[in-house]
Every structure is written in structure tokens, then in C-alpha cells.
Amino acid sequence: MRTFYIFKINNGFNTLYNKKTSNIYKILNRINNLDVSETKKAINIYRKIIRPINKEGIDYFITKNHFNDFYYKKNNNCHELKNNKEKSIMFINKTYIKIVCSNNISTFFKDIYSIDKRLFAIDFDYKDYFYIEDLNSKISCLN
């Protein structure tokens, strides 16, 4: 199972590090691994880097896009796709989206690509990170 965290990066920060995605990953990974005693410091850095996500808009789009799909379920901010090809669960929060999936690429990435291509995805366990727009070639094979 893969677990991806998807963020909307602050425009200024995004411009500064656009070609250096490894630096964005390193900063967010460091925040993710900070000790509990440094929570206040982590929150301050996080708020400078991350912008809020349109939680309601994304939730509405995902629900509308998959409402008639037999393999789709929704409960509050949790969306689930479960069929013979994949099992994906997506949680939409105010400052990030979390996707837990059985495949390397969840169908939810196609939806997110349609919403905002400039979102930044990280799988901390696999040290994998990318902009959603960079998955265009892989997402097109999900059609």
C-alpha cells in the first residue's frame, strides 16, 4: 500500500523551488519527522509553505465525478474506490489530501489533475515526490 500526502504549495515558495522538487520534499519531510517537542516550530514552518486546499470544492468534484460508479463510496471527507484493479481511499483535509492506495497511481490522481495540476504529492515511506502535472503521461493511461 502506498500513502500519498498532497499539498498546495505557497506561490512564492513554489516559484523559488519550482525546478528543485527535492528541496520541497526535504523541507516537508523534515517537518514530518520533527520531534513532538518542536510541534510549534513545525506548525509555523508548515503554515508558511502550505496554502489551504478548497476542501468543499474538491469534495464536490470527486463526489460528482464518481457518484454513479458502482465501486465508489463516500463518508464525510472520505472517498473510497474499490474494484478488481485498485483499492484507494482519499481523505480531504483543509491543508492536505491523503490517498492510501493499493497501486502506484490511484484513480484519484486523475481527478486531482483535473482540479489543480500544481499540487505537490509526497509518499514519505517510499521517498517519492512529484507535482501532479508531472503524472500526465501516467494518468492518461487510466482513461
N, C-alpha and C. Protein backbone atom coordinates (compact mmCIF):
# COMPACT_ATOMS: atom_id res chain seq x y z
N MET A 1 0.85 -1.18 0.00
CA MET A 1 0.00 0.00 0.00
C MET A 1 0.89 1.24 0.00
N ARG A 2 0.47 2.22 -0.77
CA ARG A 2 1.16 3.50 -0.83
C ARG A 2 0.31 4.55 -0.12
N THR A 3 0.97 5.48 0.54
CA THR A 3 0.28 6.59 1.19
C THR A 3 0.88 7.89 0.68
N PHE A 4 0.04 8.66 -0.01
CA PHE A 4 0.47 9.94 -0.57
C PHE A 4 -0.18 11.08 0.20
N TYR A 5 0.58 12.12 0.46
CA TYR A 5 0.08 13.37 1.02
C TYR A 5 0.22 14.41 -0.08
N ILE A 6 -0.86 15.13 -0.33
CA ILE A 6 -0.88 16.08 -1.43
C ILE A 6 -1.11 17.48 -0.87
N PHE A 7 -0.25 18.41 -1.26
CA PHE A 7 -0.25 19.76 -0.71
C PHE A 7 -0.36 20.81 -1.81
N LYS A 8 -0.90 21.95 -1.43
CA LYS A 8 -0.87 23.13 -2.29
C LYS A 8 0.25 24.01 -1.74
N ILE A 9 1.29 24.14 -2.52
CA ILE A 9 2.48 24.88 -2.09
C ILE A 9 2.24 26.38 -2.28
N ASN A 10 2.67 27.17 -1.31
CA ASN A 10 2.59 28.63 -1.38
C ASN A 10 3.24 29.11 -2.68
N ASN A 11 2.59 30.07 -3.35
CA ASN A 11 3.06 30.54 -4.67
C ASN A 11 4.51 31.03 -4.65
N GLY A 12 4.87 31.82 -3.66
CA GLY A 12 6.24 32.34 -3.58
C GLY A 12 7.25 31.22 -3.38
N PHE A 13 6.92 30.32 -2.50
CA PHE A 13 7.78 29.17 -2.23
C PHE A 13 7.86 28.27 -3.46
N ASN A 14 6.73 28.12 -4.12
CA ASN A 14 6.65 27.30 -5.33
C ASN A 14 7.55 27.88 -6.43
N THR A 15 7.51 29.19 -6.59
CA THR A 15 8.34 29.86 -7.60
C THR A 15 9.83 29.69 -7.27
N LEU A 16 10.15 29.84 -6.00
CA LEU A 16 11.53 29.73 -5.57
C LEU A 16 12.11 28.34 -5.81
N TYR A 17 11.30 27.30 -5.56
CA TYR A 17 11.79 25.92 -5.65
C TYR A 17 11.20 25.12 -6.79
N ASN A 18 10.61 25.77 -7.79
CA ASN A 18 9.89 25.07 -8.86
C ASN A 18 10.71 23.97 -9.53
N LYS A 19 11.92 24.23 -9.84
CA LYS A 19 12.76 23.23 -10.52
C LYS A 19 13.51 22.34 -9.54
N LYS A 20 13.34 22.58 -8.26
CA LYS A 20 14.07 21.82 -7.24
C LYS A 20 13.08 21.12 -6.31
N THR A 21 12.33 20.17 -6.87
CA THR A 21 11.32 19.47 -6.07
C THR A 21 11.95 18.71 -4.90
N SER A 22 13.21 18.33 -5.03
CA SER A 22 13.86 17.62 -3.93
C SER A 22 13.97 18.51 -2.70
N ASN A 23 14.14 19.82 -2.89
CA ASN A 23 14.21 20.74 -1.75
C ASN A 23 12.86 20.85 -1.04
N ILE A 24 11.79 20.90 -1.82
CA ILE A 24 10.45 20.94 -1.22
C ILE A 24 10.21 19.67 -0.42
N TYR A 25 10.57 18.52 -1.02
CA TYR A 25 10.42 17.25 -0.32
C TYR A 25 11.22 17.25 1.00
N LYS A 26 12.47 17.68 0.94
CA LYS A 26 13.33 17.66 2.13
C LYS A 26 12.75 18.51 3.26
N ILE A 27 12.22 19.68 2.92
CA ILE A 27 11.65 20.56 3.94
C ILE A 27 10.40 19.93 4.55
N LEU A 28 9.50 19.42 3.70
CA LEU A 28 8.28 18.80 4.23
C LEU A 28 8.58 17.51 4.98
N ASN A 29 9.58 16.78 4.54
CA ASN A 29 9.98 15.56 5.25
C ASN A 29 10.54 15.90 6.63
N ARG A 30 11.32 16.96 6.68
CA ARG A 30 11.89 17.39 7.97
C ARG A 30 10.76 17.78 8.93
N ILE A 31 9.76 18.51 8.42
CA ILE A 31 8.60 18.87 9.25
C ILE A 31 7.89 17.61 9.72
N ASN A 32 7.70 16.67 8.82
CA ASN A 32 7.02 15.41 9.13
C ASN A 32 7.75 14.62 10.22
N ASN A 33 9.07 14.74 10.27
CA ASN A 33 9.87 13.95 11.21
C ASN A 33 10.32 14.71 12.46
N LEU A 34 9.83 15.94 12.62
CA LEU A 34 10.22 16.71 13.81
C LEU A 34 9.69 16.05 15.07
N ASP A 35 10.42 16.21 16.12
CA ASP A 35 10.03 15.70 17.43
C ASP A 35 8.80 16.45 17.94
N VAL A 36 8.00 15.78 18.75
CA VAL A 36 6.77 16.38 19.31
C VAL A 36 7.08 17.68 20.04
N SER A 37 8.25 17.78 20.65
CA SER A 37 8.62 18.99 21.39
C SER A 37 8.78 20.19 20.46
N GLU A 38 8.92 19.94 19.17
CA GLU A 38 9.10 21.01 18.20
C GLU A 38 7.83 21.26 17.37
N THR A 39 6.69 20.88 17.89
CA THR A 39 5.42 21.00 17.16
C THR A 39 5.12 22.44 16.78
N LYS A 40 5.31 23.36 17.69
CA LYS A 40 5.02 24.77 17.40
C LYS A 40 5.87 25.29 16.24
N LYS A 41 7.14 24.94 16.26
CA LYS A 41 8.06 25.33 15.18
C LYS A 41 7.60 24.71 13.86
N ALA A 42 7.23 23.44 13.89
CA ALA A 42 6.78 22.74 12.67
C ALA A 42 5.52 23.39 12.11
N ILE A 43 4.59 23.74 12.96
CA ILE A 43 3.34 24.36 12.50
C ILE A 43 3.63 25.71 11.85
N ASN A 44 4.52 26.49 12.43
CA ASN A 44 4.87 27.79 11.85
C ASN A 44 5.50 27.65 10.47
N ILE A 45 6.41 26.72 10.31
CA ILE A 45 7.04 26.49 9.01
C ILE A 45 6.01 25.97 8.01
N TYR A 46 5.20 25.03 8.46
CA TYR A 46 4.16 24.43 7.61
C TYR A 46 3.22 25.50 7.07
N ARG A 47 2.78 26.41 7.93
CA ARG A 47 1.86 27.48 7.51
C ARG A 47 2.49 28.44 6.51
N LYS A 48 3.81 28.58 6.53
CA LYS A 48 4.48 29.45 5.57
C LYS A 48 4.61 28.79 4.20
N ILE A 49 4.66 27.48 4.17
CA ILE A 49 4.89 26.75 2.93
C ILE A 49 3.58 26.31 2.27
N ILE A 50 2.62 25.89 3.06
CA ILE A 50 1.40 25.25 2.55
C ILE A 50 0.24 26.23 2.54
N ARG A 51 -0.54 26.20 1.45
CA ARG A 51 -1.76 27.01 1.34
C ARG A 51 -2.96 26.09 1.58
N PRO A 52 -4.05 26.64 2.06
CA PRO A 52 -5.26 25.82 2.24
C PRO A 52 -5.78 25.28 0.91
N ILE A 53 -6.39 24.13 0.97
CA ILE A 53 -6.98 23.48 -0.19
C ILE A 53 -8.48 23.78 -0.18
N ASN A 54 -9.07 23.90 -1.34
CA ASN A 54 -10.52 24.10 -1.44
C ASN A 54 -11.21 22.77 -1.14
N LYS A 55 -11.31 22.47 0.15
CA LYS A 55 -11.83 21.19 0.61
C LYS A 55 -13.23 20.90 0.07
N GLU A 56 -14.12 21.87 0.18
CA GLU A 56 -15.51 21.67 -0.27
C GLU A 56 -15.58 21.49 -1.78
N GLY A 57 -14.80 22.27 -2.52
CA GLY A 57 -14.80 22.17 -3.98
C GLY A 57 -14.28 20.83 -4.47
N ILE A 58 -13.20 20.36 -3.86
CA ILE A 58 -12.64 19.06 -4.24
C ILE A 58 -13.60 17.95 -3.86
N ASP A 59 -14.16 18.04 -2.67
CA ASP A 59 -15.13 17.03 -2.21
C ASP A 59 -16.31 16.94 -3.17
N TYR A 60 -16.83 18.08 -3.57
CA TYR A 60 -17.96 18.12 -4.50
C TYR A 60 -17.57 17.51 -5.86
N PHE A 61 -16.40 17.89 -6.36
CA PHE A 61 -15.94 17.39 -7.67
C PHE A 61 -15.79 15.87 -7.65
N ILE A 62 -15.16 15.34 -6.62
CA ILE A 62 -14.94 13.89 -6.52
C ILE A 62 -16.28 13.17 -6.42
N THR A 63 -17.17 13.68 -5.58
CA THR A 63 -18.48 13.06 -5.41
C THR A 63 -19.26 13.07 -6.72
N LYS A 64 -19.27 14.22 -7.38
CA LYS A 64 -20.00 14.35 -8.65
C LYS A 64 -19.39 13.42 -9.73
N ASN A 65 -18.08 13.34 -9.75
CA ASN A 65 -17.39 12.56 -10.77
C ASN A 65 -17.60 11.04 -10.60
N HIS A 66 -17.78 10.58 -9.36
CA HIS A 66 -17.86 9.14 -9.10
C HIS A 66 -19.20 8.69 -8.54
N PHE A 67 -20.15 9.60 -8.41
CA PHE A 67 -21.43 9.29 -7.77
C PHE A 67 -22.11 8.04 -8.33
N ASN A 68 -22.10 7.87 -9.64
CA ASN A 68 -22.78 6.73 -10.27
C ASN A 68 -21.90 5.49 -10.42
N ASP A 69 -20.65 5.57 -9.96
CA ASP A 69 -19.76 4.42 -10.06
C ASP A 69 -20.14 3.38 -9.01
N PHE A 70 -20.28 2.17 -9.44
CA PHE A 70 -20.68 1.06 -8.57
C PHE A 70 -19.67 0.84 -7.44
N TYR A 71 -18.42 1.07 -7.72
CA TYR A 71 -17.34 0.77 -6.78
C TYR A 71 -16.94 1.96 -5.90
N TYR A 72 -17.73 3.01 -5.88
CA TYR A 72 -17.41 4.23 -5.14
C TYR A 72 -18.27 4.36 -3.89
N LYS A 73 -17.64 4.75 -2.77
CA LYS A 73 -18.36 5.06 -1.53
C LYS A 73 -17.82 6.37 -0.97
N LYS A 74 -18.71 7.09 -0.27
CA LYS A 74 -18.31 8.35 0.37
C LYS A 74 -18.88 8.41 1.77
N ASN A 75 -18.06 8.86 2.70
CA ASN A 75 -18.49 9.09 4.07
C ASN A 75 -17.76 10.34 4.58
N ASN A 76 -18.50 11.44 4.71
CA ASN A 76 -17.93 12.73 5.10
C ASN A 76 -16.81 13.13 4.14
N ASN A 77 -15.58 13.31 4.65
CA ASN A 77 -14.48 13.73 3.79
C ASN A 77 -13.66 12.54 3.28
N CYS A 78 -14.20 11.34 3.40
CA CYS A 78 -13.52 10.12 2.99
C CYS A 78 -14.18 9.55 1.74
N HIS A 79 -13.38 9.36 0.70
CA HIS A 79 -13.86 8.79 -0.57
C HIS A 79 -13.13 7.47 -0.78
N GLU A 80 -13.87 6.46 -1.24
CA GLU A 80 -13.27 5.14 -1.44
C GLU A 80 -13.62 4.57 -2.81
N LEU A 81 -12.61 4.08 -3.49
CA LEU A 81 -12.77 3.35 -4.75
C LEU A 81 -12.26 1.94 -4.50
N LYS A 82 -13.10 0.97 -4.76
CA LYS A 82 -12.70 -0.41 -4.52
C LYS A 82 -13.25 -1.28 -5.63
N ASN A 83 -12.35 -1.77 -6.48
CA ASN A 83 -12.75 -2.68 -7.55
C ASN A 83 -11.65 -3.71 -7.75
N ASN A 84 -11.72 -4.47 -8.84
CA ASN A 84 -10.73 -5.52 -9.05
C ASN A 84 -9.36 -4.98 -9.47
N LYS A 85 -9.26 -3.71 -9.82
CA LYS A 85 -7.99 -3.11 -10.24
C LYS A 85 -7.28 -2.36 -9.11
N GLU A 86 -8.06 -1.80 -8.21
CA GLU A 86 -7.44 -0.99 -7.16
C GLU A 86 -8.35 -0.84 -5.95
N LYS A 87 -7.70 -0.47 -4.85
CA LYS A 87 -8.41 -0.02 -3.67
C LYS A 87 -7.74 1.28 -3.25
N SER A 88 -8.50 2.37 -3.27
CA SER A 88 -7.97 3.68 -2.91
C SER A 88 -8.92 4.37 -1.96
N ILE A 89 -8.34 4.98 -0.95
CA ILE A 89 -9.11 5.79 0.00
C ILE A 89 -8.49 7.17 0.02
N MET A 90 -9.32 8.19 -0.13
CA MET A 90 -8.85 9.56 -0.14
C MET A 90 -9.53 10.34 0.97
N PHE A 91 -8.73 11.02 1.79
CA PHE A 91 -9.22 11.88 2.85
C PHE A 91 -8.89 13.32 2.46
N ILE A 92 -9.89 14.18 2.46
CA ILE A 92 -9.68 15.58 2.09
C ILE A 92 -9.70 16.42 3.36
N ASN A 93 -8.61 17.10 3.62
CA ASN A 93 -8.49 17.97 4.79
C ASN A 93 -8.29 19.41 4.33
N LYS A 94 -8.21 20.32 5.27
CA LYS A 94 -8.09 21.74 4.91
C LYS A 94 -6.75 22.10 4.28
N THR A 95 -5.69 21.41 4.68
CA THR A 95 -4.38 21.78 4.15
C THR A 95 -3.67 20.65 3.40
N TYR A 96 -4.29 19.51 3.33
CA TYR A 96 -3.69 18.42 2.55
C TYR A 96 -4.74 17.37 2.21
N ILE A 97 -4.39 16.55 1.22
CA ILE A 97 -5.20 15.40 0.83
C ILE A 97 -4.33 14.17 1.10
N LYS A 98 -4.93 13.15 1.65
CA LYS A 98 -4.21 11.90 1.90
C LYS A 98 -4.86 10.80 1.06
N ILE A 99 -4.03 10.10 0.28
CA ILE A 99 -4.52 8.99 -0.53
C ILE A 99 -3.75 7.73 -0.13
N VAL A 100 -4.49 6.72 0.27
CA VAL A 100 -3.92 5.41 0.55
C VAL A 100 -4.40 4.49 -0.56
N CYS A 101 -3.47 3.88 -1.29
CA CYS A 101 -3.88 3.09 -2.46
C CYS A 101 -3.06 1.82 -2.61
N SER A 102 -3.66 0.86 -3.26
CA SER A 102 -3.01 -0.42 -3.50
C SER A 102 -2.08 -0.38 -4.70
N ASN A 103 -2.24 0.61 -5.55
CA ASN A 103 -1.41 0.75 -6.76
C ASN A 103 -0.43 1.91 -6.59
N ASN A 104 0.50 2.01 -7.53
CA ASN A 104 1.42 3.15 -7.52
C ASN A 104 0.72 4.45 -7.87
N ILE A 105 -0.35 4.36 -8.66
CA ILE A 105 -1.12 5.54 -9.05
C ILE A 105 -2.59 5.25 -8.83
N SER A 106 -3.23 6.06 -8.03
CA SER A 106 -4.66 5.92 -7.77
C SER A 106 -5.47 6.64 -8.84
N THR A 107 -6.66 6.16 -9.09
CA THR A 107 -7.59 6.85 -9.99
C THR A 107 -7.85 8.26 -9.50
N PHE A 108 -7.76 8.48 -8.20
CA PHE A 108 -7.98 9.82 -7.64
C PHE A 108 -6.97 10.84 -8.18
N PHE A 109 -5.79 10.39 -8.59
CA PHE A 109 -4.82 11.32 -9.17
C PHE A 109 -5.36 11.95 -10.45
N LYS A 110 -6.11 11.19 -11.22
CA LYS A 110 -6.73 11.73 -12.44
C LYS A 110 -7.70 12.86 -12.07
N ASP A 111 -8.48 12.63 -11.01
CA ASP A 111 -9.42 13.66 -10.55
C ASP A 111 -8.67 14.90 -10.08
N ILE A 112 -7.64 14.70 -9.30
CA ILE A 112 -6.86 15.82 -8.77
C ILE A 112 -6.20 16.58 -9.91
N TYR A 113 -5.72 15.87 -10.90
CA TYR A 113 -5.12 16.51 -12.08
C TYR A 113 -6.13 17.44 -12.75
N SER A 114 -7.39 17.03 -12.81
CA SER A 114 -8.44 17.86 -13.41
C SER A 114 -8.74 19.09 -12.57
N ILE A 115 -8.50 19.02 -11.29
CA ILE A 115 -8.80 20.13 -10.37
C ILE A 115 -7.66 21.14 -10.31
N ASP A 116 -6.45 20.64 -10.03
CA ASP A 116 -5.30 21.53 -9.87
C ASP A 116 -4.02 20.75 -10.15
N LYS A 117 -3.41 21.02 -11.29
CA LYS A 117 -2.21 20.30 -11.71
C LYS A 117 -0.97 20.65 -10.89
N ARG A 118 -1.02 21.78 -10.18
CA ARG A 118 0.16 22.26 -9.46
C ARG A 118 0.24 21.77 -8.02
N LEU A 119 -0.58 20.81 -7.65
CA LEU A 119 -0.47 20.25 -6.31
C LEU A 119 0.75 19.34 -6.25
N PHE A 120 1.33 19.24 -5.07
CA PHE A 120 2.57 18.51 -4.86
C PHE A 120 2.30 17.28 -4.02
N ALA A 121 2.68 16.10 -4.51
CA ALA A 121 2.42 14.84 -3.82
C ALA A 121 3.70 14.25 -3.25
N ILE A 122 3.57 13.67 -2.05
CA ILE A 122 4.71 13.03 -1.40
C ILE A 122 4.26 11.70 -0.81
N ASP A 123 5.07 10.68 -1.02
CA ASP A 123 4.95 9.42 -0.30
C ASP A 123 6.20 9.35 0.57
N PHE A 124 6.05 9.68 1.86
CA PHE A 124 7.20 9.74 2.76
C PHE A 124 7.87 8.38 2.93
N ASP A 125 7.11 7.31 2.93
CA ASP A 125 7.67 5.97 3.13
C ASP A 125 8.57 5.55 1.97
N TYR A 126 8.18 5.88 0.75
CA TYR A 126 8.95 5.49 -0.43
C TYR A 126 9.87 6.61 -0.94
N LYS A 127 9.87 7.74 -0.23
CA LYS A 127 10.68 8.89 -0.63
C LYS A 127 10.39 9.29 -2.08
N ASP A 128 9.11 9.30 -2.40
CA ASP A 128 8.64 9.62 -3.75
C ASP A 128 7.92 10.97 -3.69
N TYR A 129 8.18 11.86 -4.62
CA TYR A 129 7.57 13.19 -4.62
C TYR A 129 7.51 13.72 -6.05
N PHE A 130 6.45 14.49 -6.33
CA PHE A 130 6.23 14.98 -7.68
C PHE A 130 5.08 15.97 -7.69
N TYR A 131 5.06 16.81 -8.73
CA TYR A 131 3.89 17.64 -8.99
C TYR A 131 2.88 16.78 -9.75
N ILE A 132 1.63 16.97 -9.46
CA ILE A 132 0.56 16.21 -10.13
C ILE A 132 0.67 16.37 -11.64
N GLU A 133 1.03 17.55 -12.11
CA GLU A 133 1.13 17.78 -13.55
C GLU A 133 2.18 16.88 -14.20
N ASP A 134 3.17 16.42 -13.44
CA ASP A 134 4.21 15.56 -13.99
C ASP A 134 3.73 14.13 -14.20
N LEU A 135 2.55 13.81 -13.71
CA LEU A 135 1.99 12.48 -13.89
C LEU A 135 1.11 12.38 -15.12
N ASN A 136 1.05 13.40 -15.93
CA ASN A 136 0.15 13.45 -17.07
C ASN A 136 0.21 12.20 -17.94
N SER A 137 1.39 11.75 -18.25
CA SER A 137 1.51 10.57 -19.13
C SER A 137 0.99 9.32 -18.44
N LYS A 138 1.21 9.19 -17.16
CA LYS A 138 0.74 8.02 -16.42
C LYS A 138 -0.77 8.09 -16.20
N ILE A 139 -1.27 9.29 -15.95
CA ILE A 139 -2.71 9.45 -15.71
C ILE A 139 -3.51 9.16 -16.98
N SER A 140 -2.96 9.52 -18.12
CA SER A 140 -3.71 9.29 -19.37
C SER A 140 -3.96 7.80 -19.61
N CYS A 141 -3.14 6.94 -19.05
CA CYS A 141 -3.37 5.51 -19.23
C CYS A 141 -4.48 4.99 -18.31
N LEU A 142 -4.96 5.83 -17.39
CA LEU A 142 -6.08 5.43 -16.53
C LEU A 142 -7.42 5.65 -17.22
N ASN A 143 -7.43 6.31 -18.36
CA ASN A 143 -8.69 6.58 -19.08
C ASN A 143 -9.32 5.32 -19.60
